């Protein structure tokens, strides 16, 4: 069965792929995802029973270097007032873009918790590499959401990691 490109959206977002159109690979057998969607794309590639030539991870949600207090505060803030949390999230990660440049989707505290607590595993990345999947990771040097330094160091042994120095989360 031929597979067409699969793209997984970021937390609470839809239709944000246009931010990556210059580097998004639209050929067959490619799976891509942004932020929380990078986790979903990775899981899809890892569990795929069909060919995956390339996995593209745009600003993958990477919080395993953050402490439990940080994660707990994020969840508490969301649960207290999800609307205010999303406004702050948008303000923080969209610069230099504005809220009018994205479309929101339904979101839940459970999804945010999965995003914050997800543990990327070297063994699983190595499994994809051994299957012949090329992994590309794109990180923004000015990203105020993900933990860029540790993410760069973590993914570098398994992927081509591109650091866009003057880019934020998008």
Protein backbone atom coordinates (compact mmCIF):
# COMPACT_ATOMS: atom_id res chain seq x y z
CA UNK A 1 0.00 0.00 0.00
CA UNK A 2 1.39 3.41 -0.93
CA UNK A 3 1.53 5.86 1.93
CA UNK A 4 1.05 9.56 1.44
CA UNK A 5 2.64 12.13 3.71
CA UNK A 6 1.26 12.17 7.24
CA UNK A 7 1.40 15.36 9.28
CA UNK A 8 0.55 15.59 12.99
CA UNK A 9 -0.47 18.93 14.48
CA UNK A 10 0.83 20.65 17.57
CA UNK A 11 -1.06 20.82 20.86
CA UNK A 12 -4.42 22.57 20.39
CA UNK A 13 -3.60 23.47 16.80
CA UNK A 14 -4.69 22.62 13.30
CA UNK A 15 -3.58 23.88 9.90
CA UNK A 16 -0.19 25.13 11.12
CA UNK A 17 1.82 23.15 8.55
CA UNK A 18 2.11 26.31 6.42
CA UNK A 19 4.78 27.54 8.84
CA UNK A 20 7.02 24.72 7.60
CA UNK A 21 6.14 24.66 3.90
CA UNK A 22 9.72 25.50 2.84
CA UNK A 23 11.11 22.38 4.53
CA UNK A 24 8.10 20.06 4.77
CA UNK A 25 8.76 17.01 2.61
CA UNK A 26 5.58 16.08 0.76
CA UNK A 27 6.90 12.95 -0.91
CA UNK A 28 5.52 9.51 -0.13
CA UNK A 29 6.64 7.58 2.91
CA UNK A 30 7.25 10.70 5.03
CA UNK A 31 5.77 11.34 8.45
CA UNK A 32 6.02 14.79 10.00
CA UNK A 33 4.85 16.54 13.13
CA UNK A 34 5.13 19.79 15.02
CA UNK A 35 5.68 20.05 18.79
CA UNK A 36 3.14 17.69 20.38
CA UNK A 37 2.51 16.37 16.87
CA UNK A 38 6.19 15.40 16.68
CA UNK A 39 5.53 12.92 19.49
CA UNK A 40 2.55 11.54 17.55
CA UNK A 41 4.56 11.39 14.31
CA UNK A 42 7.39 9.57 16.09
CA UNK A 43 5.00 7.00 17.56
CA UNK A 44 3.39 6.50 14.15
CA UNK A 45 6.78 5.92 12.50
CA UNK A 46 7.93 3.60 15.28
CA UNK A 47 4.76 1.49 15.14
CA UNK A 48 4.37 1.55 11.36
CA UNK A 49 4.27 -1.77 9.58
CA UNK A 50 4.85 -0.03 6.25
CA UNK A 51 7.81 1.79 4.84
CA UNK A 52 8.84 5.12 6.40
CA UNK A 53 11.69 6.81 4.54
CA UNK A 54 11.78 10.01 6.53
CA UNK A 55 10.56 11.36 9.85
CA UNK A 56 10.47 15.14 10.20
CA UNK A 57 10.17 16.58 13.71
CA UNK A 58 9.52 20.32 13.89
CA UNK A 59 10.21 21.77 17.34
CA UNK A 60 9.54 18.43 19.04
CA UNK A 61 8.02 18.79 22.49
CA UNK A 62 11.01 18.05 24.70
CA UNK A 63 10.53 18.47 28.43
CA UNK A 64 12.31 15.45 29.90
CA UNK A 65 15.08 17.76 31.12
CA UNK A 66 12.52 19.84 33.05
CA UNK A 67 11.64 19.01 36.64
CA UNK A 68 8.32 17.73 37.93
CA UNK A 69 7.58 21.11 39.54
CA UNK A 70 7.66 22.84 36.14
CA UNK A 71 5.34 20.23 34.64
CA UNK A 72 2.96 20.37 37.60
CA UNK A 73 2.75 24.18 37.39
CA UNK A 74 1.97 24.00 33.67
CA UNK A 75 -0.85 21.53 34.25
CA UNK A 76 -2.23 23.51 37.18
CA UNK A 77 -2.23 26.69 35.10
CA UNK A 78 -4.09 24.94 32.31
CA UNK A 79 -6.63 23.35 34.64
CA UNK A 80 -7.25 26.63 36.45
CA UNK A 81 -7.97 28.64 33.29
CA UNK A 82 -7.34 26.84 29.99
CA UNK A 83 -8.30 29.93 27.96
CA UNK A 84 -5.74 32.16 29.70
CA UNK A 85 -3.16 29.36 29.47
CA UNK A 86 -3.70 29.08 25.70
CA UNK A 87 -3.45 32.86 25.26
CA UNK A 88 -0.09 32.87 27.07
CA UNK A 89 1.04 29.79 25.13
CA UNK A 90 0.17 31.51 21.85
CA UNK A 91 1.87 34.73 22.87
CA UNK A 92 5.01 32.84 23.88
CA UNK A 93 5.41 30.45 20.96
CA UNK A 94 4.06 32.33 17.97
CA UNK A 95 6.40 35.31 17.89
CA UNK A 96 6.92 36.83 15.36
CA UNK A 97 3.57 35.52 14.09
CA UNK A 98 0.21 36.43 15.57
CA UNK A 99 -2.75 34.42 16.82
CA UNK A 100 -4.54 35.11 13.55
CA UNK A 101 -1.98 32.89 11.80
CA UNK A 102 -3.17 29.67 13.49
CA UNK A 103 -6.39 27.76 13.90
CA UNK A 104 -7.12 26.09 17.18
CA UNK A 105 -8.52 22.64 17.75
CA UNK A 106 -10.03 20.97 20.77
CA UNK A 107 -7.49 20.36 23.52
CA UNK A 108 -7.45 18.61 26.87
CA UNK A 109 -5.41 18.55 30.05
CA UNK A 110 -4.62 14.88 29.32
CA UNK A 111 -2.96 15.87 26.02
CA UNK A 112 -0.97 18.59 27.74
CA UNK A 113 0.12 16.10 30.39
CA UNK A 114 1.23 13.62 27.71
CA UNK A 115 3.18 16.39 25.98
CA UNK A 116 4.89 17.49 29.21
CA UNK A 117 5.71 14.00 30.48
CA UNK A 118 6.64 12.22 27.25
CA UNK A 119 10.04 10.51 27.46
CA UNK A 120 11.94 10.27 24.19
CA UNK A 121 14.01 7.08 24.21
CA UNK A 122 17.34 6.61 22.48
CA UNK A 123 16.64 2.92 21.85
CA UNK A 124 13.45 3.77 19.92
CA UNK A 125 15.24 6.39 17.82
CA UNK A 126 17.96 3.84 17.09
CA UNK A 127 15.29 1.33 16.02
CA UNK A 128 14.03 3.79 13.38
CA UNK A 129 17.55 4.50 12.16
CA UNK A 130 18.24 0.76 11.86
CA UNK A 131 15.06 0.39 9.79
CA UNK A 132 16.46 2.92 7.34
CA UNK A 133 14.34 5.88 8.40
CA UNK A 134 16.08 9.20 7.99
CA UNK A 135 15.24 11.53 10.88
CA UNK A 136 15.27 15.32 10.56
CA UNK A 137 14.83 17.54 13.61
CA UNK A 138 14.29 21.29 13.35
CA UNK A 139 14.74 23.48 16.43
CA UNK A 140 14.36 27.22 16.94
CA UNK A 141 17.27 28.88 18.72
CA UNK A 142 14.85 31.34 20.36
CA UNK A 143 12.25 28.68 21.27
CA UNK A 144 10.57 29.65 24.52
CA UNK A 145 8.52 26.43 24.75
CA UNK A 146 10.76 23.37 24.30
CA UNK A 147 14.11 22.87 26.01
CA UNK A 148 16.30 23.44 22.92
CA UNK A 149 19.81 22.76 24.27
CA UNK A 150 19.04 19.35 25.75
CA UNK A 151 16.83 18.49 22.75
CA UNK A 152 19.66 19.29 20.34
CA UNK A 153 22.13 17.13 22.28
CA UNK A 154 19.61 14.28 22.61
CA UNK A 155 18.58 14.03 18.95
CA UNK A 156 22.00 14.74 17.38
CA UNK A 157 23.31 11.12 17.46
CA UNK A 158 20.22 9.87 15.57
CA UNK A 159 19.14 12.70 13.32
CA UNK A 160 20.14 15.57 11.14
CA UNK A 161 19.43 18.41 13.55
CA UNK A 162 18.96 21.89 12.15
CA UNK A 163 19.05 24.78 14.59
CA UNK A 164 17.41 27.87 13.14
CA UNK A 165 19.08 30.46 15.34
CA UNK A 166 16.54 33.27 14.97
CA UNK A 167 13.41 31.12 15.10
CA UNK A 168 10.97 30.66 17.95
CA UNK A 169 8.83 27.55 18.43
CA UNK A 170 7.25 28.05 14.97
